[in-house]
C-alpha atoms as a PDB file:
ATOM      1  CA  MET A   1       0.076   0.202   0.036  1.00  0.00           C
ATOM      2  CA  ILE A   2       1.488   3.437  -0.860  1.00  0.00           C
ATOM      3  CA  THR A   3       0.731   5.955   1.631  1.00  0.00           C
ATOM      4  CA  ARG A   4       0.829   9.736   1.702  1.00  0.00           C
ATOM      5  CA  ILE A   5       1.603  10.062   5.689  1.00  0.00           C
ATOM      6  CA  ARG A   6       4.640  12.349   4.914  1.00  0.00           C
ATOM      7  CA  GLU A   7       3.049  14.631   2.673  1.00  0.00           C
ATOM      8  CA  VAL A   8       0.117  15.018   4.823  1.00  0.00           C
ATOM      9  CA  ARG A   9       2.153  15.493   7.698  1.00  0.00           C
ATOM     10  CA  ARG A  10       4.184  17.983   6.097  1.00  0.00           C
ATOM     11  CA  SER A  11       1.288  19.967   4.721  1.00  0.00           C
ATOM     12  CA  ARG A  12       0.066  20.208   8.200  1.00  0.00           C
ATOM     13  CA  LYS A  13       3.688  21.442   9.121  1.00  0.00           C
ATOM     14  CA  LEU A  14       4.271  18.626  11.837  1.00  0.00           C
ATOM     15  CA  THR A  15       7.456  16.974  12.813  1.00  0.00           C
ATOM     16  CA  LEU A  16       7.718  13.163  13.327  1.00  0.00           C
ATOM     17  CA  GLN A  17       7.957  14.008  17.016  1.00  0.00           C
ATOM     18  CA  ASP A  18       4.394  15.889  16.623  1.00  0.00           C
ATOM     19  CA  VAL A  19       2.693  13.203  14.856  1.00  0.00           C
ATOM     20  CA  ALA A  20       4.359  10.371  17.385  1.00  0.00           C
ATOM     21  CA  ALA A  21       3.320  12.453  20.613  1.00  0.00           C
ATOM     22  CA  ARG A  22      -0.382  12.990  19.207  1.00  0.00           C
ATOM     23  CA  CYS A  23      -1.071   9.210  18.512  1.00  0.00           C
ATOM     24  CA  SER A  24      -3.173   7.392  21.130  1.00  0.00           C
ATOM     25  CA  PRO A  25      -1.292   5.986  22.682  1.00  0.00           C
ATOM     26  CA  PRO A  26       1.808   8.005  22.075  1.00  0.00           C
ATOM     27  CA  THR A  27       4.557   6.158  19.928  1.00  0.00           C
ATOM     28  CA  THR A  28       8.315   6.989  18.687  1.00  0.00           C
ATOM     29  CA  PRO A  29       9.231   9.448  15.836  1.00  0.00           C
ATOM     30  CA  GLN A  30      11.304   6.437  14.464  1.00  0.00           C
ATOM     31  CA  THR A  31       7.979   4.356  14.197  1.00  0.00           C
ATOM     32  CA  ILE A  32       6.285   7.205  12.246  1.00  0.00           C
ATOM     33  CA  GLY A  33       9.194   7.531  10.108  1.00  0.00           C
ATOM     34  CA  ARG A  34       9.321   3.615   9.145  1.00  0.00           C
ATOM     35  CA  LEU A  35       5.662   3.890   8.438  1.00  0.00           C
ATOM     36  CA  GLU A  36       6.184   6.906   6.145  1.00  0.00           C
ATOM     37  CA  THR A  37       8.891   5.337   4.093  1.00  0.00           C
ATOM     38  CA  GLY A  38       7.271   1.826   3.878  1.00  0.00           C
ATOM     39  CA  THR A  39      10.263   0.244   6.190  1.00  0.00           C
ATOM     40  CA  ARG A  40       7.316  -1.049   8.270  1.00  0.00           C
ATOM     41  CA  THR A  41       4.103  -2.333   6.891  1.00  0.00           C
ATOM     42  CA  VAL A  42       1.175   0.349   7.626  1.00  0.00           C
ATOM     43  CA  SER A  43      -1.850  -1.731   9.188  1.00  0.00           C
ATOM     44  CA  VAL A  44      -5.317  -0.410   9.189  1.00  0.00           C
ATOM     45  CA  GLY A  45      -4.871   0.171  13.068  1.00  0.00           C
ATOM     46  CA  TRP A  46      -1.776   2.391  12.458  1.00  0.00           C
ATOM     47  CA  LEU A  47      -3.570   4.085   9.461  1.00  0.00           C
ATOM     48  CA  ASN A  48      -6.461   5.304  11.861  1.00  0.00           C
ATOM     49  CA  ARG A  49      -4.214   6.214  14.585  1.00  0.00           C
ATOM     50  CA  ILE A  50      -1.913   8.428  12.315  1.00  0.00           C
ATOM     51  CA  ALA A  51      -5.162   9.612  10.817  1.00  0.00           C
ATOM     52  CA  ALA A  52      -6.388  10.753  14.018  1.00  0.00           C
ATOM     53  CA  ALA A  53      -3.074  12.436  14.968  1.00  0.00           C
ATOM     54  CA  LEU A  54      -3.024  14.327  11.762  1.00  0.00           C
ATOM     55  CA  ASP A  55      -6.806  15.243  12.339  1.00  0.00           C
ATOM     56  CA  VAL A  56      -7.649  13.783   8.760  1.00  0.00           C
ATOM     57  CA  GLU A  57      -9.644  10.876   7.418  1.00  0.00           C
ATOM     58  CA  ALA A  58      -7.802   7.712   6.993  1.00  0.00           C
ATOM     59  CA  GLY A  59      -8.497   7.602   3.278  1.00  0.00           C
ATOM     60  CA  ASP A  60      -6.359  11.045   3.011  1.00  0.00           C
ATOM     61  CA  LEU A  61      -3.378   8.961   3.926  1.00  0.00           C
ATOM     62  CA  VAL A  62      -3.715   6.409   1.013  1.00  0.00           C
ATOM     63  CA  ARG A  63      -3.118   7.009  -2.654  1.00  0.00           C
ATOM     64  CA  LEU A  64      -6.178   5.710  -4.569  1.00  0.00           C
ATOM     65  CA  PRO A  65      -6.236   5.178  -8.097  1.00  0.00           C
ATOM     66  CA  ASP A  66      -9.570   6.822  -8.542  1.00  0.00           C
ATOM     67  CA  ARG A  67      -8.312   9.914  -6.875  1.00  0.00           C
ATOM     68  CA  GLU A  68      -6.003  12.473  -8.409  1.00  0.00           C
ATOM     69  CA  ASP A  69      -3.446  14.299  -6.196  1.00  0.00           C
ATOM     70  CA  VAL A  70      -2.974  17.939  -6.681  1.00  0.00           C
ATOM     71  CA  PRO A  71       0.723  18.811  -6.320  1.00  0.00           C
ATOM     72  CA  VAL A  72       1.727  21.883  -4.717  1.00  0.00           C
ATOM     73  CA  ALA A  73       3.625  24.088  -7.175  1.00  0.00           C
ATOM     74  CA  ALA A  74       4.310  26.976  -5.249  1.00  0.00           C
ATOM     75  CA  MET A  75       3.801  28.548  -1.708  1.00  0.00           C
ATOM     76  CA  LEU A  76       2.614  32.258  -1.833  1.00  0.00           C
ATOM     77  CA  GLY A  77       4.075  34.286   1.274  1.00  0.00           C
ATOM     78  CA  ALA A  78       5.067  37.940   1.902  1.00  0.00           C
ATOM     79  CA  ASP A  79       8.321  37.524  -0.750  1.00  0.00           C
ATOM     80  CA  GLY A  80       5.685  36.175  -3.354  1.00  0.00           C
ATOM     81  CA  ALA A  81       5.577  32.753  -4.844  1.00  0.00           C
ATOM     82  CA  VAL A  82       8.448  30.352  -4.149  1.00  0.00           C
ATOM     83  CA  ALA A  83       8.832  26.726  -4.978  1.00  0.00           C
ATOM     84  CA  PRO A  84       8.039  24.437  -2.210  1.00  0.00           C
ATOM     85  CA  ARG A  85      11.638  22.650  -0.695  1.00  0.00           C
ATOM     86  CA  ARG A  86       9.952  19.266  -0.931  1.00  0.00           C
ATOM     87  CA  GLU A  87       7.520  17.743  -2.950  1.00  0.00           C
ATOM     88  CA  GLN A  88       3.906  18.593  -1.377  1.00  0.00           C
ATOM     89  CA  MET A  89       0.488  17.483  -2.164  1.00  0.00           C
ATOM     90  CA  SER A  90      -2.677  19.538  -1.446  1.00  0.00           C
ATOM     91  CA  LEU A  91      -5.566  17.754   0.609  1.00  0.00           C
ATOM     92  CA  GLN A  92      -8.994  17.960  -0.878  1.00  0.00           C
ATOM     93  CA  PRO A  93     -11.553  19.582   1.344  1.00  0.00           C
ATOM     94  CA  ARG A  94     -14.064  17.052   3.058  1.00  0.00           C
ATOM     95  CA  PRO A  95     -17.001  17.755   4.917  1.00  0.00           C
ATOM     96  CA  VAL A  96     -16.869  16.991   8.817  1.00  0.00           C
ATOM     97  CA  PRO A  97     -19.672  15.229  10.266  1.00  0.00           C
ATOM     98  CA  ASP A  98     -22.971  17.364  10.941  1.00  0.00           C
ATOM     99  CA  SER A  99     -21.939  20.034   8.424  1.00  0.00           C
ATOM    100  CA  VAL A 100     -24.083  22.446   6.683  1.00  0.00           C
ATOM    101  CA  ALA A 101     -23.482  24.838   4.032  1.00  0.00           C
ATOM    102  CA  ILE A 102     -24.150  28.276   2.734  1.00  0.00           C
ATOM    103  CA  THR A 103     -24.036  29.347  -0.799  1.00  0.00           C
ATOM    104  CA  VAL A 104     -23.253  32.949  -1.459  1.00  0.00           C
ATOM    105  CA  SER A 105     -25.602  34.571  -4.107  1.00  0.00           C
ATOM    106  CA  ALA A 106     -24.290  38.309  -3.722  1.00  0.00           C
ATOM    107  CA  GLY A 107     -20.965  39.656  -2.149  1.00  0.00           C
ATOM    108  CA  ILE A 108     -21.166  40.690   1.332  1.00  0.00           C
ATOM    109  CA  GLY A 109     -18.467  41.200   3.873  1.00  0.00           C
ATOM    110  CA  ASP A 110     -15.398  38.841   2.936  1.00  0.00           C
ATOM    111  CA  TYR A 111     -17.499  36.512   0.720  1.00  0.00           C
ATOM    112  CA  ARG A 112     -18.186  36.708  -3.119  1.00  0.00           C
ATOM    113  CA  ALA A 113     -21.162  35.537  -5.066  1.00  0.00           C
ATOM    114  CA  GLY A 114     -20.385  32.165  -6.065  1.00  0.00           C
ATOM    115  CA  ASP A 115     -18.732  31.147  -2.832  1.00  0.00           C
ATOM    116  CA  GLN A 116     -19.610  28.131  -0.937  1.00  0.00           C
ATOM    117  CA  ILE A 117     -19.179  28.135   2.871  1.00  0.00           C
ATOM    118  CA  TRP A 118     -18.907  24.911   4.905  1.00  0.00           C
ATOM    119  CA  LEU A 119     -19.833  25.096   8.482  1.00  0.00           C
ATOM    120  CA  SER A 120     -19.656  22.669  11.527  1.00  0.00           C
ATOM    121  CA  ARG A 121     -22.938  22.532  13.672  1.00  0.00           C
ATOM    122  CA  ILE A 122     -21.926  22.870  17.333  1.00  0.00           C
ATOM    123  CA  PRO A 123     -24.387  22.511  20.354  1.00  0.00           C
ATOM    124  CA  PRO A 124     -25.413  25.237  22.554  1.00  0.00           C
ATOM    125  CA  ASP A 125     -23.050  24.678  25.342  1.00  0.00           C
ATOM    126  CA  ALA A 126     -19.964  24.848  22.709  1.00  0.00           C
ATOM    127  CA  ILE A 127     -21.168  28.213  21.139  1.00  0.00           C
ATOM    128  CA  GLY A 128     -18.570  30.115  23.161  1.00  0.00           C
ATOM    129  CA  SER A 129     -15.714  28.237  21.234  1.00  0.00           C
ATOM    130  CA  ALA A 130     -16.931  30.109  18.201  1.00  0.00           C
ATOM    131  CA  MET A 131     -16.290  33.917  19.454  1.00  0.00           C
ATOM    132  CA  ASN A 132     -15.052  36.246  17.070  1.00  0.00           C
ATOM    133  CA  ARG A 133     -16.014  33.608  14.222  1.00  0.00           C
ATOM    134  CA  ASP A 134     -18.608  33.696  11.387  1.00  0.00           C
ATOM    135  CA  VAL A 135     -21.711  31.586  12.726  1.00  0.00           C
ATOM    136  CA  LEU A 136     -24.953  30.561  11.235  1.00  0.00           C
ATOM    137  CA  VAL A 137     -27.647  30.380  13.761  1.00  0.00           C
ATOM    138  CA  PRO A 138     -31.492  29.411  13.030  1.00  0.00           C
ATOM    139  CA  ARG A 139     -34.133  32.066  13.800  1.00  0.00           C
ATOM    140  CA  PRO A 140     -38.038  31.607  14.260  1.00  0.00           C
ATOM    141  CA  GLY A 141     -39.994  31.213  11.013  1.00  0.00           C
ATOM    142  CA  GLY A 142     -37.280  29.202   9.013  1.00  0.00           C
ATOM    143  CA  ARG A 143     -35.075  32.353   8.908  1.00  0.00           C
ATOM    144  CA  PHE A 144     -31.371  32.336   9.559  1.00  0.00           C
ATOM    145  CA  LEU A 145     -28.694  34.842  10.785  1.00  0.00           C
ATOM    146  CA  PHE A 146     -25.214  34.709   9.655  1.00  0.00           C
ATOM    147  CA  GLY A 147     -22.554  36.917  11.005  1.00  0.00           C
ATOM    148  CA  ARG A 148     -19.611  37.434  13.404  1.00  0.00           C
ATOM    149  CA  LEU A 149     -20.283  36.211  16.936  1.00  0.00           C
ATOM    150  CA  ILE A 150     -19.190  39.107  19.127  1.00  0.00           C
ATOM    151  CA  GLY A 151     -20.691  38.272  22.574  1.00  0.00           C
ATOM    152  CA  ARG A 152     -22.497  35.643  24.681  1.00  0.00           C
ATOM    153  CA  GLU A 153     -24.318  36.457  27.835  1.00  0.00           C
ATOM    154  CA  ALA A 154     -26.937  34.399  29.622  1.00  0.00           C
ATOM    155  CA  GLY A 155     -28.028  32.243  26.697  1.00  0.00           C
ATOM    156  CA  LYS A 156     -28.181  35.177  24.334  1.00  0.00           C
ATOM    157  CA  LEU A 157     -25.600  35.474  21.437  1.00  0.00           C
ATOM    158  CA  HIS A 158     -24.556  39.016  20.151  1.00  0.00           C
ATOM    159  CA  ILE A 159     -23.921  38.832  16.513  1.00  0.00           C
ATOM    160  CA  LEU A 160     -22.784  41.360  13.883  1.00  0.00           C
ATOM    161  CA  PRO A 161     -24.170  40.881  10.449  1.00  0.00           C
ATOM    162  CA  LEU A 162     -21.521  41.026   7.810  1.00  0.00           C
ATOM    163  CA  GLY A 163     -22.871  44.223   5.702  1.00  0.00           C
ATOM    164  CA  ALA A 164     -21.310  47.721   6.214  1.00  0.00           C
ATOM    165  CA  GLY A 165     -22.912  49.755   8.693  1.00  0.00           C
ATOM    166  CA  GLN A 166     -24.874  46.977  10.184  1.00  0.00           C
ATOM    167  CA  ARG A 167     -25.986  46.781  13.858  1.00  0.00           C
ATOM    168  CA  GLN A 168     -25.336  43.728  16.176  1.00  0.00           C
ATOM    169  CA  LEU A 169     -28.431  41.566  16.770  1.00  0.00           C
ATOM    170  CA  VAL A 170     -29.258  39.581  19.614  1.00  0.00           C
ATOM    171  CA  VAL A 171     -30.520  35.633  19.255  1.00  0.00           C
ATOM    172  CA  ALA A 172     -32.104  34.151  22.428  1.00  0.00           C
ATOM    173  CA  SER A 173     -31.160  30.603  23.110  1.00  0.00           C
ATOM    174  CA  PRO A 174     -30.938  29.094  19.474  1.00  0.00           C
ATOM    175  CA  PRO A 175     -31.142  25.355  19.657  1.00  0.00           C
ATOM    176  CA  TRP A 176     -27.743  25.059  17.738  1.00  0.00           C
ATOM    177  CA  ALA A 177     -25.137  27.202  15.718  1.00  0.00           C
ATOM    178  CA  ALA A 178     -22.731  26.277  12.915  1.00  0.00           C
ATOM    179  CA  VAL A 179     -19.419  27.811  12.842  1.00  0.00           C
ATOM    180  CA  ALA A 180     -17.677  28.604   9.323  1.00  0.00           C
ATOM    181  CA  VAL A 181     -14.857  26.264   8.927  1.00  0.00           C
ATOM    182  CA  THR A 182     -14.084  25.939   5.135  1.00  0.00           C
ATOM    183  CA  LEU A 183     -14.288  28.561   2.267  1.00  0.00           C
ATOM    184  CA  ILE A 184     -14.668  27.053  -1.212  1.00  0.00           C
ATOM    185  CA  ARG A 185     -14.149  29.800  -3.834  1.00  0.00           C
ATOM    186  CA  SER A 186     -13.985  29.603  -7.649  1.00  0.00           C
ATOM    187  CA  LEU A 187     -11.675  32.148  -9.333  1.00  0.00           C
END
């Protein structure tokens, strides 16, 4: 089996030691290195452990014949576009469990017409983790509110809509919220 463990690890900017420590139970950097190079056989158990440590699906670590990898040609930084020092592959976006999406029909805030925003639903007790991030919350009558979560107090969420000059709105005790995690934009 040909794996992509090294490419995924490098794309996440992690060292062998980082991945070894994140494994459950932890292992050694040498073991991760042997699994990357094929010196040691990668079992399904190891594949699942390493995928969890890298926060990806196990399928992302295996080269599949029906899925084409996208090589990273350049890295864009403050000094412009430069070639990567080592061969890298780009990971295709995948939805996380309990995802929802928004399609943008007209540009607003940082979003353009044609964008897709993938969001991950979070329960009411975890909404505080989305502070200062873009969230979607349901409102009565089948409506929704999308904007930046700027405050939370006594079950009420303070959300700033994305349009210029908008005033914050308060939503009381929403049953759920979804935080923006992935932007898909065609150029």
